[in-house]
Amino acid sequence: EQNLALKEEGSLKIMHSTSVEGVDDMIKLGDMTEAALLRNLMLRHKRGHIYVSSVLVAVNPYQDFPIYSAEQVQLYHSQKLGELPPHIFAVAESCYFNMTRHFRNQCCIISGESGAGKTESTKLILQYLAAVSGELSRQKIEKQILESNPILEGTPAARFGKYLEIFFNKDGVIEGAQVEQYLLEKSRVCHQAPEERNYHIFYCLMAGTTSEERKALNLEYSKEYVYLTKVFQINTTLPSDKLTQPYVFLYQLYIIKISCVLKGDCNVCESRDDVKDFKRIRTAMKILTFSEQQFQEILKLLAAILHLGNVSFEGEGL
């Protein structure tokens, strides 16, 4: 319960009936307010419904739901948007249908904050397109496209932007794919917030490599590497009365200089199995025709980055 002041009680009004039980499509809400939208998302989430509306709103449940099976693919295949409950497969089917029906390129934009589930949503759309295309295809290219995900997941989704193009022939069969743009936020290698991880691939490397591989790469334990463990606090000694215009500029430079050594100190993540993820990455590399030698060279590059993170520099006159 919450007590309101008398002047606040005048702003209250009776909740619209559509907000009491919630709706599948938020366009049907009688009150199109922020409070009504958030309440509808809350009601749907409590019932295990993580999708809302035709312009799909997804709430990350941080657990696996059994709603992405082959039966679900068949259920949404050839169905128009809105005929069935909201689902990521409904959006994928709408794109696929419009492309094959009108022979026009389609674009699906997936956006959200860190941890919202953008990478998982991308995987599910690829899963659906590969499934409906695979019914007509004699090639195994769909499997290669799906297997590219573990490699791209080596970097957290919030830390890069990618424009993934999938090419179909006139019969609606996948013939190829490419990542046209790959905008990597390189600063995250050496700068994370407290309790935030670096790129997943570093933890997979530390947990999944064999003892022989770790010996060849001169790798020890995760706690030995600055990029994975250390946390430093930023403290300034500039007195507030000195923050005139020239000092403000120096103050900002000082902050930038020190902030580059912030680390996450989060080697273990309960929601991830780094050993299992590393095995998936190794398998994916083979499916994508990377040789074992090429794979080992990539591991050397990753290990070199961790070793370089332990190199410190001291400047003169700072």
C-alpha atoms as a PDB file:
ATOM      1  CA  GLU A   1       0.000   0.000   0.000  1.00  0.00           C
ATOM      2  CA  GLN A   2       1.024   3.579  -0.589  1.00  0.00           C
ATOM      3  CA  ASN A   3      -0.402   6.688   0.980  1.00  0.00           C
ATOM      4  CA  LEU A   4      -0.885   9.721  -1.215  1.00  0.00           C
ATOM      5  CA  ALA A   5      -1.192  13.349  -0.289  1.00  0.00           C
ATOM      6  CA  LEU A   6      -4.578  14.968  -0.831  1.00  0.00           C
ATOM      7  CA  LYS A   7      -3.314  17.017  -3.771  1.00  0.00           C
ATOM      8  CA  GLU A   8      -2.053  13.790  -5.433  1.00  0.00           C
ATOM      9  CA  GLU A   9      -5.360  11.944  -5.020  1.00  0.00           C
ATOM     10  CA  GLY A  10      -6.979  14.262  -7.534  1.00  0.00           C
ATOM     11  CA  SER A  11      -4.725  12.915 -10.287  1.00  0.00           C
ATOM     12  CA  LEU A  12      -5.913   9.324  -9.784  1.00  0.00           C
ATOM     13  CA  LYS A  13      -8.406   7.698 -12.140  1.00  0.00           C
ATOM     14  CA  ILE A  14      -9.997   4.284 -12.482  1.00  0.00           C
ATOM     15  CA  MET A  15      -7.844   1.762 -14.347  1.00  0.00           C
ATOM     16  CA  HIS A  16      -9.157   0.802 -17.786  1.00  0.00           C
ATOM     17  CA  SER A  17     -10.455  -2.764 -18.010  1.00  0.00           C
ATOM     18  CA  THR A  18      -7.762  -3.715 -20.539  1.00  0.00           C
ATOM     19  CA  SER A  19      -5.077  -2.893 -17.977  1.00  0.00           C
ATOM     20  CA  VAL A  20      -6.633  -5.081 -15.294  1.00  0.00           C
ATOM     21  CA  GLU A  21      -6.018  -8.403 -17.052  1.00  0.00           C
ATOM     22  CA  GLY A  22      -3.533  -7.291 -19.700  1.00  0.00           C
ATOM     23  CA  VAL A  23      -3.570  -7.756 -23.480  1.00  0.00           C
ATOM     24  CA  ASP A  24      -1.456  -9.570 -26.089  1.00  0.00           C
ATOM     25  CA  ASP A  25      -1.126  -6.513 -28.315  1.00  0.00           C
ATOM     26  CA  MET A  26      -0.564  -3.233 -26.493  1.00  0.00           C
ATOM     27  CA  ILE A  27      -2.283  -1.346 -29.291  1.00  0.00           C
ATOM     28  CA  LYS A  28      -5.499  -2.651 -27.694  1.00  0.00           C
ATOM     29  CA  LEU A  29      -4.790  -0.917 -24.366  1.00  0.00           C
ATOM     30  CA  GLY A  30      -7.460   1.562 -23.397  1.00  0.00           C
ATOM     31  CA  ASP A  31      -4.921   3.751 -21.576  1.00  0.00           C
ATOM     32  CA  MET A  32      -1.842   4.385 -23.687  1.00  0.00           C
ATOM     33  CA  THR A  33       0.338   5.658 -20.845  1.00  0.00           C
ATOM     34  CA  GLU A  34       3.734   4.659 -19.522  1.00  0.00           C
ATOM     35  CA  ALA A  35       2.134   3.165 -16.418  1.00  0.00           C
ATOM     36  CA  ALA A  36      -0.275   1.094 -18.499  1.00  0.00           C
ATOM     37  CA  LEU A  37       2.516  -0.191 -20.760  1.00  0.00           C
ATOM     38  CA  LEU A  38       4.722  -1.185 -17.821  1.00  0.00           C
ATOM     39  CA  ARG A  39       1.814  -2.863 -16.001  1.00  0.00           C
ATOM     40  CA  ASN A  40       0.958  -4.875 -19.099  1.00  0.00           C
ATOM     41  CA  LEU A  41       4.554  -6.043 -19.452  1.00  0.00           C
ATOM     42  CA  MET A  42       4.590  -7.006 -15.765  1.00  0.00           C
ATOM     43  CA  LEU A  43       1.351  -9.002 -16.023  1.00  0.00           C
ATOM     44  CA  ARG A  44       2.532 -10.842 -19.135  1.00  0.00           C
ATOM     45  CA  HIS A  45       5.904 -11.609 -17.583  1.00  0.00           C
ATOM     46  CA  LYS A  46       4.353 -13.025 -14.410  1.00  0.00           C
ATOM     47  CA  ARG A  47       2.336 -15.455 -16.557  1.00  0.00           C
ATOM     48  CA  GLY A  48       5.408 -16.583 -18.450  1.00  0.00           C
ATOM     49  CA  HIS A  49       4.541 -14.626 -21.611  1.00  0.00           C
ATOM     50  CA  ILE A  50       7.725 -12.812 -22.604  1.00  0.00           C
ATOM     51  CA  TYR A  51       6.437 -11.434 -25.912  1.00  0.00           C
ATOM     52  CA  VAL A  52       3.995  -8.570 -26.380  1.00  0.00           C
ATOM     53  CA  SER A  53       2.537  -6.803 -29.457  1.00  0.00           C
ATOM     54  CA  SER A  54       3.075  -7.095 -33.210  1.00  0.00           C
ATOM     55  CA  VAL A  55       5.877  -4.534 -32.982  1.00  0.00           C
ATOM     56  CA  LEU A  56       7.457  -7.087 -30.711  1.00  0.00           C
ATOM     57  CA  VAL A  57       8.432  -6.201 -27.153  1.00  0.00           C
ATOM     58  CA  ALA A  58      10.434  -8.975 -25.485  1.00  0.00           C
ATOM     59  CA  VAL A  59      11.164  -9.214 -21.752  1.00  0.00           C
ATOM     60  CA  ASN A  60      14.284 -11.256 -21.007  1.00  0.00           C
ATOM     61  CA  PRO A  61      13.279 -13.983 -18.500  1.00  0.00           C
ATOM     62  CA  TYR A  62      16.899 -15.091 -17.928  1.00  0.00           C
ATOM     63  CA  GLN A  63      15.844 -18.712 -18.226  1.00  0.00           C
ATOM     64  CA  ASP A  64      15.012 -21.194 -20.975  1.00  0.00           C
ATOM     65  CA  PHE A  65      11.402 -21.495 -22.112  1.00  0.00           C
ATOM     66  CA  PRO A  66      10.204 -24.475 -24.226  1.00  0.00           C
ATOM     67  CA  ILE A  67       8.639 -22.260 -26.894  1.00  0.00           C
ATOM     68  CA  TYR A  68      11.168 -22.543 -29.725  1.00  0.00           C
ATOM     69  CA  SER A  69      10.765 -26.156 -30.830  1.00  0.00           C
ATOM     70  CA  ALA A  70      10.206 -27.498 -34.340  1.00  0.00           C
ATOM     71  CA  GLU A  71       6.508 -27.708 -33.480  1.00  0.00           C
ATOM     72  CA  GLN A  72       6.480 -23.971 -32.752  1.00  0.00           C
ATOM     73  CA  VAL A  73       8.163 -23.318 -36.100  1.00  0.00           C
ATOM     74  CA  GLN A  74       5.419 -25.260 -37.882  1.00  0.00           C
ATOM     75  CA  LEU A  75       2.750 -23.487 -35.851  1.00  0.00           C
ATOM     76  CA  TYR A  76       3.826 -20.007 -36.981  1.00  0.00           C
ATOM     77  CA  HIS A  77       4.819 -20.958 -40.523  1.00  0.00           C
ATOM     78  CA  SER A  78       2.418 -19.485 -43.130  1.00  0.00           C
ATOM     79  CA  GLN A  79       0.468 -17.605 -40.422  1.00  0.00           C
ATOM     80  CA  LYS A  80      -0.141 -13.874 -40.733  1.00  0.00           C
ATOM     81  CA  LEU A  81       1.131 -11.516 -38.090  1.00  0.00           C
ATOM     82  CA  GLY A  82      -1.453 -11.186 -35.317  1.00  0.00           C
ATOM     83  CA  GLU A  83      -3.285 -14.456 -35.966  1.00  0.00           C
ATOM     84  CA  LEU A  84      -1.364 -16.202 -33.187  1.00  0.00           C
ATOM     85  CA  PRO A  85      -0.005 -14.918 -29.849  1.00  0.00           C
ATOM     86  CA  PRO A  86       3.046 -12.610 -30.077  1.00  0.00           C
ATOM     87  CA  HIS A  87       6.269 -14.483 -30.743  1.00  0.00           C
ATOM     88  CA  ILE A  88       9.694 -13.877 -32.274  1.00  0.00           C
ATOM     89  CA  PHE A  89       8.813 -16.534 -34.868  1.00  0.00           C
ATOM     90  CA  ALA A  90       5.790 -14.461 -35.937  1.00  0.00           C
ATOM     91  CA  VAL A  91       8.089 -11.544 -36.805  1.00  0.00           C
ATOM     92  CA  ALA A  92      10.480 -13.856 -38.671  1.00  0.00           C
ATOM     93  CA  GLU A  93       7.578 -15.409 -40.588  1.00  0.00           C
ATOM     94  CA  SER A  94       6.257 -11.962 -41.539  1.00  0.00           C
ATOM     95  CA  CYS A  95       9.652 -11.027 -42.999  1.00  0.00           C
ATOM     96  CA  TYR A  96       9.980 -14.343 -44.836  1.00  0.00           C
ATOM     97  CA  PHE A  97       6.436 -14.218 -46.226  1.00  0.00           C
ATOM     98  CA  ASN A  98       6.755 -10.641 -47.496  1.00  0.00           C
ATOM     99  CA  MET A  99      10.095 -11.419 -49.105  1.00  0.00           C
ATOM    100  CA  THR A 100       8.897 -14.530 -50.946  1.00  0.00           C
ATOM    101  CA  ARG A 101       5.502 -13.062 -51.807  1.00  0.00           C
ATOM    102  CA  HIS A 102       6.556  -9.602 -53.019  1.00  0.00           C
ATOM    103  CA  PHE A 103      10.224 -10.318 -53.902  1.00  0.00           C
ATOM    104  CA  ARG A 104      11.378  -7.349 -51.832  1.00  0.00           C
ATOM    105  CA  ASN A 105      14.220  -7.138 -49.322  1.00  0.00           C
ATOM    106  CA  GLN A 106      13.156  -7.145 -45.676  1.00  0.00           C
ATOM    107  CA  CYS A 107      14.872  -5.660 -42.628  1.00  0.00           C
ATOM    108  CA  CYS A 108      14.393  -6.661 -38.992  1.00  0.00           C
ATOM    109  CA  ILE A 109      15.819  -4.290 -36.373  1.00  0.00           C
ATOM    110  CA  ILE A 110      16.634  -5.708 -32.937  1.00  0.00           C
ATOM    111  CA  SER A 111      17.490  -3.104 -30.319  1.00  0.00           C
ATOM    112  CA  GLY A 112      17.732  -2.922 -26.553  1.00  0.00           C
ATOM    113  CA  GLU A 113      19.998  -2.267 -23.606  1.00  0.00           C
ATOM    114  CA  SER A 114      22.780  -4.538 -22.427  1.00  0.00           C
ATOM    115  CA  GLY A 115      21.316  -7.867 -21.324  1.00  0.00           C
ATOM    116  CA  ALA A 116      17.972  -7.261 -23.030  1.00  0.00           C
ATOM    117  CA  GLY A 117      18.364 -10.392 -25.162  1.00  0.00           C
ATOM    118  CA  LYS A 118      19.362  -9.009 -28.574  1.00  0.00           C
ATOM    119  CA  THR A 119      21.785 -11.831 -29.366  1.00  0.00           C
ATOM    120  CA  GLU A 120      19.270 -14.501 -28.364  1.00  0.00           C
ATOM    121  CA  SER A 121      16.592 -12.850 -30.501  1.00  0.00           C
ATOM    122  CA  THR A 122      18.954 -12.808 -33.477  1.00  0.00           C
ATOM    123  CA  LYS A 123      19.697 -16.501 -32.988  1.00  0.00           C
ATOM    124  CA  LEU A 124      15.998 -17.348 -32.840  1.00  0.00           C
ATOM    125  CA  ILE A 125      15.223 -15.474 -36.050  1.00  0.00           C
ATOM    126  CA  LEU A 126      18.100 -17.278 -37.772  1.00  0.00           C
ATOM    127  CA  GLN A 127      16.836 -20.562 -36.343  1.00  0.00           C
ATOM    128  CA  TYR A 128      13.386 -19.945 -37.802  1.00  0.00           C
ATOM    129  CA  LEU A 129      14.620 -18.831 -41.232  1.00  0.00           C
ATOM    130  CA  ALA A 130      16.999 -21.776 -41.428  1.00  0.00           C
ATOM    131  CA  ALA A 131      14.187 -24.165 -40.488  1.00  0.00           C
ATOM    132  CA  VAL A 132      11.663 -22.947 -43.069  1.00  0.00           C
ATOM    133  CA  SER A 133      14.350 -22.601 -45.736  1.00  0.00           C
ATOM    134  CA  GLY A 134      15.867 -25.980 -44.903  1.00  0.00           C
ATOM    135  CA  GLU A 135      12.663 -27.732 -45.943  1.00  0.00           C
ATOM    136  CA  LEU A 136      13.466 -26.730 -49.532  1.00  0.00           C
ATOM    137  CA  SER A 137      17.249 -26.722 -49.423  1.00  0.00           C
ATOM    138  CA  ARG A 138      19.581 -29.520 -50.394  1.00  0.00           C
ATOM    139  CA  GLN A 139      22.613 -27.727 -49.015  1.00  0.00           C
ATOM    140  CA  LYS A 140      23.838 -27.448 -45.422  1.00  0.00           C
ATOM    141  CA  ILE A 141      24.544 -23.732 -45.514  1.00  0.00           C
ATOM    142  CA  GLU A 142      21.788 -23.089 -42.977  1.00  0.00           C
ATOM    143  CA  LYS A 143      23.781 -25.044 -40.406  1.00  0.00           C
ATOM    144  CA  GLN A 144      26.867 -22.952 -41.118  1.00  0.00           C
ATOM    145  CA  ILE A 145      24.880 -19.755 -40.586  1.00  0.00           C
ATOM    146  CA  LEU A 146      23.518 -20.985 -37.279  1.00  0.00           C
ATOM    147  CA  GLU A 147      26.932 -22.202 -36.171  1.00  0.00           C
ATOM    148  CA  SER A 148      28.403 -18.732 -36.704  1.00  0.00           C
ATOM    149  CA  ASN A 149      26.552 -17.558 -33.594  1.00  0.00           C
ATOM    150  CA  PRO A 150      28.850 -19.118 -30.972  1.00  0.00           C
ATOM    151  CA  ILE A 151      31.771 -17.272 -32.581  1.00  0.00           C
ATOM    152  CA  LEU A 152      29.962 -13.939 -32.663  1.00  0.00           C
ATOM    153  CA  GLU A 153      28.837 -14.515 -29.080  1.00  0.00           C
ATOM    154  CA  GLY A 154      32.463 -14.474 -27.992  1.00  0.00           C
ATOM    155  CA  THR A 155      31.872 -10.753 -27.526  1.00  0.00           C
ATOM    156  CA  PRO A 156      28.844  -9.644 -25.500  1.00  0.00           C
ATOM    157  CA  ALA A 157      26.068  -8.374 -27.752  1.00  0.00           C
ATOM    158  CA  ALA A 158      25.986  -4.935 -26.141  1.00  0.00           C
ATOM    159  CA  ARG A 159      29.587  -4.378 -27.143  1.00  0.00           C
ATOM    160  CA  PHE A 160      29.307  -4.546 -30.898  1.00  0.00           C
ATOM    161  CA  GLY A 161      26.902  -3.762 -33.679  1.00  0.00           C
ATOM    162  CA  LYS A 162      26.477  -6.014 -36.667  1.00  0.00           C
ATOM    163  CA  TYR A 163      24.511  -5.853 -39.884  1.00  0.00           C
ATOM    164  CA  LEU A 164      23.798  -9.442 -40.814  1.00  0.00           C
ATOM    165  CA  GLU A 165      22.604 -10.089 -44.344  1.00  0.00           C
ATOM    166  CA  ILE A 166      21.017 -13.394 -45.373  1.00  0.00           C
ATOM    167  CA  PHE A 167      20.658 -14.126 -49.084  1.00  0.00           C
ATOM    168  CA  PHE A 168      17.788 -16.186 -50.479  1.00  0.00           C
ATOM    169  CA  ASN A 169      17.115 -17.390 -54.020  1.00  0.00           C
ATOM    170  CA  LYS A 170      13.782 -16.947 -55.775  1.00  0.00           C
ATOM    171  CA  ASP A 171      12.505 -20.166 -54.207  1.00  0.00           C
ATOM    172  CA  GLY A 172      13.050 -18.853 -50.672  1.00  0.00           C
ATOM    173  CA  VAL A 173      16.112 -21.004 -50.006  1.00  0.00           C
ATOM    174  CA  ILE A 174      19.114 -19.587 -48.131  1.00  0.00           C
ATOM    175  CA  GLU A 175      22.161 -19.370 -50.373  1.00  0.00           C
ATOM    176  CA  GLY A 176      24.556 -17.369 -48.215  1.00  0.00           C
ATOM    177  CA  ALA A 177      25.084 -14.766 -45.532  1.00  0.00           C
ATOM    178  CA  GLN A 178      27.578 -12.137 -44.471  1.00  0.00           C
ATOM    179  CA  VAL A 179      28.209  -9.679 -41.676  1.00  0.00           C
ATOM    180  CA  GLU A 180      28.471  -6.434 -43.585  1.00  0.00           C
ATOM    181  CA  GLN A 181      29.475  -4.199 -40.684  1.00  0.00           C
ATOM    182  CA  TYR A 182      31.076  -5.155 -37.440  1.00  0.00           C
ATOM    183  CA  LEU A 183      31.466  -2.247 -35.026  1.00  0.00           C
ATOM    184  CA  LEU A 184      33.578  -3.530 -32.162  1.00  0.00           C
ATOM    185  CA  GLU A 185      33.806  -1.431 -29.026  1.00  0.00           C
ATOM    186  CA  LYS A 186      37.504  -2.102 -28.449  1.00  0.00           C
ATOM    187  CA  SER A 187      37.685   0.012 -25.293  1.00  0.00           C
ATOM    188  CA  ARG A 188      35.763  -2.686 -23.429  1.00  0.00           C
ATOM    189  CA  VAL A 189      38.789  -4.989 -23.585  1.00  0.00           C
ATOM    190  CA  CYS A 190      40.533  -2.864 -20.949  1.00  0.00           C
ATOM    191  CA  HIS A 191      37.602  -1.076 -19.316  1.00  0.00           C
ATOM    192  CA  GLN A 192      34.550  -2.624 -17.660  1.00  0.00           C
ATOM    193  CA  ALA A 193      32.287  -1.557 -14.856  1.00  0.00           C
ATOM    194  CA  PRO A 194      32.535  -3.404 -11.507  1.00  0.00           C
ATOM    195  CA  GLU A 195      30.983  -6.903 -11.704  1.00  0.00           C
ATOM    196  CA  GLU A 196      30.790  -6.622 -15.488  1.00  0.00           C
ATOM    197  CA  ARG A 197      32.599  -9.150 -17.637  1.00  0.00           C
ATOM    198  CA  ASN A 198      35.156  -8.596 -20.335  1.00  0.00           C
ATOM    199  CA  TYR A 199      34.530 -10.369 -23.656  1.00  0.00           C
ATOM    200  CA  HIS A 200      33.190 -13.882 -23.117  1.00  0.00           C
ATOM    201  CA  ILE A 201      35.890 -15.441 -25.265  1.00  0.00           C
ATOM    202  CA  PHE A 202      38.600 -14.662 -22.696  1.00  0.00           C
ATOM    203  CA  TYR A 203      36.791 -16.631 -19.996  1.00  0.00           C
ATOM    204  CA  CYS A 204      36.065 -19.458 -22.447  1.00  0.00           C
ATOM    205  CA  LEU A 205      39.774 -19.498 -23.309  1.00  0.00           C
ATOM    206  CA  MET A 206      40.784 -19.772 -19.653  1.00  0.00           C
ATOM    207  CA  ALA A 207      38.218 -22.440 -18.807  1.00  0.00           C
ATOM    208  CA  GLY A 208      38.052 -24.557 -21.967  1.00  0.00           C
ATOM    209  CA  THR A 209      41.597 -25.011 -23.238  1.00  0.00           C
ATOM    210  CA  THR A 210      43.505 -28.193 -22.450  1.00  0.00           C
ATOM    211  CA  SER A 211      46.538 -28.228 -20.156  1.00  0.00           C
ATOM    212  CA  GLU A 212      48.781 -28.660 -23.216  1.00  0.00           C
ATOM    213  CA  GLU A 213      47.213 -25.626 -24.911  1.00  0.00           C
ATOM    214  CA  ARG A 214      47.540 -23.481 -21.785  1.00  0.00           C
ATOM    215  CA  LYS A 215      51.186 -24.476 -21.482  1.00  0.00           C
ATOM    216  CA  ALA A 216      51.837 -23.528 -25.122  1.00  0.00           C
ATOM    217  CA  LEU A 217      50.076 -20.187 -24.582  1.00  0.00           C
ATOM    218  CA  ASN A 218      51.808 -19.553 -21.229  1.00  0.00           C
ATOM    219  CA  LEU A 219      48.420 -19.116 -19.583  1.00  0.00           C
ATOM    220  CA  GLU A 220      47.977 -19.421 -15.822  1.00  0.00           C
ATOM    221  CA  TYR A 221      44.864 -18.664 -13.754  1.00  0.00           C
ATOM    222  CA  SER A 222      42.320 -15.940 -14.516  1.00  0.00           C
ATOM    223  CA  LYS A 223      43.239 -14.039 -11.371  1.00  0.00           C
ATOM    224  CA  GLU A 224      46.713 -13.466 -12.815  1.00  0.00           C
ATOM    225  CA  TYR A 225      45.432 -11.216 -15.607  1.00  0.00           C
ATOM    226  CA  VAL A 226      44.649  -7.554 -15.094  1.00  0.00           C
ATOM    227  CA  TYR A 227      42.050  -7.424 -17.880  1.00  0.00           C
ATOM    228  CA  LEU A 228      39.966 -10.054 -16.074  1.00  0.00           C
ATOM    229  CA  THR A 229      40.268  -9.312 -12.388  1.00  0.00           C
ATOM    230  CA  LYS A 230      41.615  -6.017 -11.127  1.00  0.00           C
ATOM    231  CA  VAL A 231      39.375  -3.184  -9.968  1.00  0.00           C
ATOM    232  CA  PHE A 232      40.750   0.289  -9.305  1.00  0.00           C
ATOM    233  CA  GLN A 233      38.860   3.215  -7.847  1.00  0.00           C
ATOM    234  CA  ILE A 234      39.059   6.699  -9.354  1.00  0.00           C
ATOM    235  CA  ASN A 235      39.973   9.329  -6.777  1.00  0.00           C
ATOM    236  CA  THR A 236      40.825  12.923  -7.597  1.00  0.00           C
ATOM    237  CA  THR A 237      42.795  15.321  -5.460  1.00  0.00           C
ATOM    238  CA  LEU A 238      41.841  18.523  -7.249  1.00  0.00           C
ATOM    239  CA  PRO A 239      40.177  20.936  -4.779  1.00  0.00           C
ATOM    240  CA  SER A 240      36.779  22.165  -5.889  1.00  0.00           C
ATOM    241  CA  ASP A 241      37.845  25.837  -5.745  1.00  0.00           C
ATOM    242  CA  LYS A 242      40.546  25.106  -8.356  1.00  0.00           C
ATOM    243  CA  LEU A 243      38.103  23.883 -10.992  1.00  0.00           C
ATOM    244  CA  THR A 244      38.367  26.927 -13.203  1.00  0.00           C
ATOM    245  CA  GLN A 245      38.077  26.492 -16.948  1.00  0.00           C
ATOM    246  CA  PRO A 246      41.745  25.453 -17.525  1.00  0.00           C
ATOM    247  CA  TYR A 247      41.610  23.020 -14.608  1.00  0.00           C
ATOM    248  CA  VAL A 248      38.398  21.435 -15.827  1.00  0.00           C
ATOM    249  CA  PHE A 249      40.196  20.352 -18.986  1.00  0.00           C
ATOM    250  CA  LEU A 250      43.042  18.826 -16.954  1.00  0.00           C
ATOM    251  CA  TYR A 251      40.508  17.177 -14.641  1.00  0.00           C
ATOM    252  CA  GLN A 252      38.789  15.515 -17.591  1.00  0.00           C
ATOM    253  CA  LEU A 253      42.116  14.275 -18.953  1.00  0.00           C
ATOM    254  CA  TYR A 254      42.936  12.833 -15.537  1.00  0.00           C
ATOM    255  CA  ILE A 255      39.669  10.938 -15.388  1.00  0.00           C
ATOM    256  CA  ILE A 256      40.164   9.482 -18.855  1.00  0.00           C
ATOM    257  CA  LYS A 257      43.707   8.453 -17.975  1.00  0.00           C
ATOM    258  CA  ILE A 258      42.698   6.599 -14.841  1.00  0.00           C
ATOM    259  CA  SER A 259      39.419   5.096 -16.047  1.00  0.00           C
ATOM    260  CA  CYS A 260      41.188   2.904 -18.600  1.00  0.00           C
ATOM    261  CA  VAL A 261      42.315   0.565 -15.806  1.00  0.00           C
ATOM    262  CA  LEU A 262      38.847  -0.187 -14.438  1.00  0.00           C
ATOM    263  CA  LYS A 263      38.060  -3.927 -14.573  1.00  0.00           C
ATOM    264  CA  GLY A 264      35.041  -6.076 -13.940  1.00  0.00           C
ATOM    265  CA  ASP A 265      36.409  -8.723 -11.535  1.00  0.00           C
ATOM    266  CA  CYS A 266      33.691 -11.176 -12.592  1.00  0.00           C
ATOM    267  CA  ASN A 267      35.391 -14.424 -13.615  1.00  0.00           C
ATOM    268  CA  VAL A 268      32.464 -16.670 -12.772  1.00  0.00           C
ATOM    269  CA  CYS A 269      28.997 -16.096 -14.221  1.00  0.00           C
ATOM    270  CA  GLU A 270      26.201 -18.340 -12.956  1.00  0.00           C
ATOM    271  CA  SER A 271      24.215 -18.069 -16.187  1.00  0.00           C
ATOM    272  CA  ARG A 272      27.105 -19.213 -18.415  1.00  0.00           C
ATOM    273  CA  ASP A 273      29.105 -22.425 -18.774  1.00  0.00           C
ATOM    274  CA  ASP A 274      32.451 -21.263 -20.139  1.00  0.00           C
ATOM    275  CA  VAL A 275      33.753 -24.791 -20.753  1.00  0.00           C
ATOM    276  CA  LYS A 276      30.655 -25.757 -22.723  1.00  0.00           C
ATOM    277  CA  ASP A 277      30.755 -22.468 -24.652  1.00  0.00           C
ATOM    278  CA  PHE A 278      34.380 -23.064 -25.624  1.00  0.00           C
ATOM    279  CA  LYS A 279      33.495 -26.506 -26.986  1.00  0.00           C
ATOM    280  CA  ARG A 280      30.698 -24.939 -29.041  1.00  0.00           C
ATOM    281  CA  ILE A 281      33.108 -22.347 -30.422  1.00  0.00           C
ATOM    282  CA  ARG A 282      35.643 -25.031 -31.360  1.00  0.00           C
ATOM    283  CA  THR A 283      32.943 -27.068 -33.109  1.00  0.00           C
ATOM    284  CA  ALA A 284      31.609 -23.983 -34.892  1.00  0.00           C
ATOM    285  CA  MET A 285      35.063 -23.159 -36.224  1.00  0.00           C
ATOM    286  CA  LYS A 286      35.333 -26.629 -37.736  1.00  0.00           C
ATOM    287  CA  ILE A 287      31.909 -26.372 -39.369  1.00  0.00           C
ATOM    288  CA  LEU A 288      32.930 -23.006 -40.822  1.00  0.00           C
ATOM    289  CA  THR A 289      36.000 -24.760 -42.312  1.00  0.00           C
ATOM    290  CA  PHE A 290      38.647 -23.202 -40.051  1.00  0.00           C
ATOM    291  CA  SER A 291      41.637 -25.522 -39.805  1.00  0.00           C
ATOM    292  CA  GLU A 292      43.060 -26.581 -36.438  1.00  0.00           C
ATOM    293  CA  GLN A 293      46.160 -24.514 -37.152  1.00  0.00           C
ATOM    294  CA  GLN A 294      44.062 -21.400 -37.794  1.00  0.00           C
ATOM    295  CA  PHE A 295      42.130 -22.040 -34.595  1.00  0.00           C
ATOM    296  CA  GLN A 296      45.363 -22.302 -32.585  1.00  0.00           C
ATOM    297  CA  GLU A 297      46.637 -19.052 -34.127  1.00  0.00           C
ATOM    298  CA  ILE A 298      43.457 -17.305 -32.961  1.00  0.00           C
ATOM    299  CA  LEU A 299      44.040 -18.643 -29.449  1.00  0.00           C
ATOM    300  CA  LYS A 300      47.577 -17.220 -29.552  1.00  0.00           C
ATOM    301  CA  LEU A 301      46.209 -13.777 -30.425  1.00  0.00           C
ATOM    302  CA  LEU A 302      43.714 -13.912 -27.545  1.00  0.00           C
ATOM    303  CA  ALA A 303      46.389 -15.048 -25.104  1.00  0.00           C
ATOM    304  CA  ALA A 304      48.692 -12.265 -26.310  1.00  0.00           C
ATOM    305  CA  ILE A 305      46.037  -9.673 -25.467  1.00  0.00           C
ATOM    306  CA  LEU A 306      45.785 -11.010 -21.905  1.00  0.00           C
ATOM    307  CA  HIS A 307      49.569 -10.977 -21.512  1.00  0.00           C
ATOM    308  CA  LEU A 308      49.813  -7.416 -22.851  1.00  0.00           C
ATOM    309  CA  GLY A 309      47.239  -6.346 -20.276  1.00  0.00           C
ATOM    310  CA  ASN A 310      49.792  -7.170 -17.574  1.00  0.00           C
ATOM    311  CA  VAL A 311      52.336  -4.753 -19.034  1.00  0.00           C
ATOM    312  CA  SER A 312      52.361  -1.426 -17.176  1.00  0.00           C
ATOM    313  CA  PHE A 313      53.769   1.907 -18.252  1.00  0.00           C
ATOM    314  CA  GLU A 314      54.893   4.920 -16.282  1.00  0.00           C
ATOM    315  CA  GLY A 315      54.976   8.349 -17.842  1.00  0.00           C
ATOM    316  CA  GLU A 316      57.194  11.212 -16.884  1.00  0.00           C
ATOM    317  CA  GLY A 317      55.887  14.466 -15.471  1.00  0.00           C
ATOM    318  CA  LEU A 318      52.357  13.208 -14.627  1.00  0.00           C
END
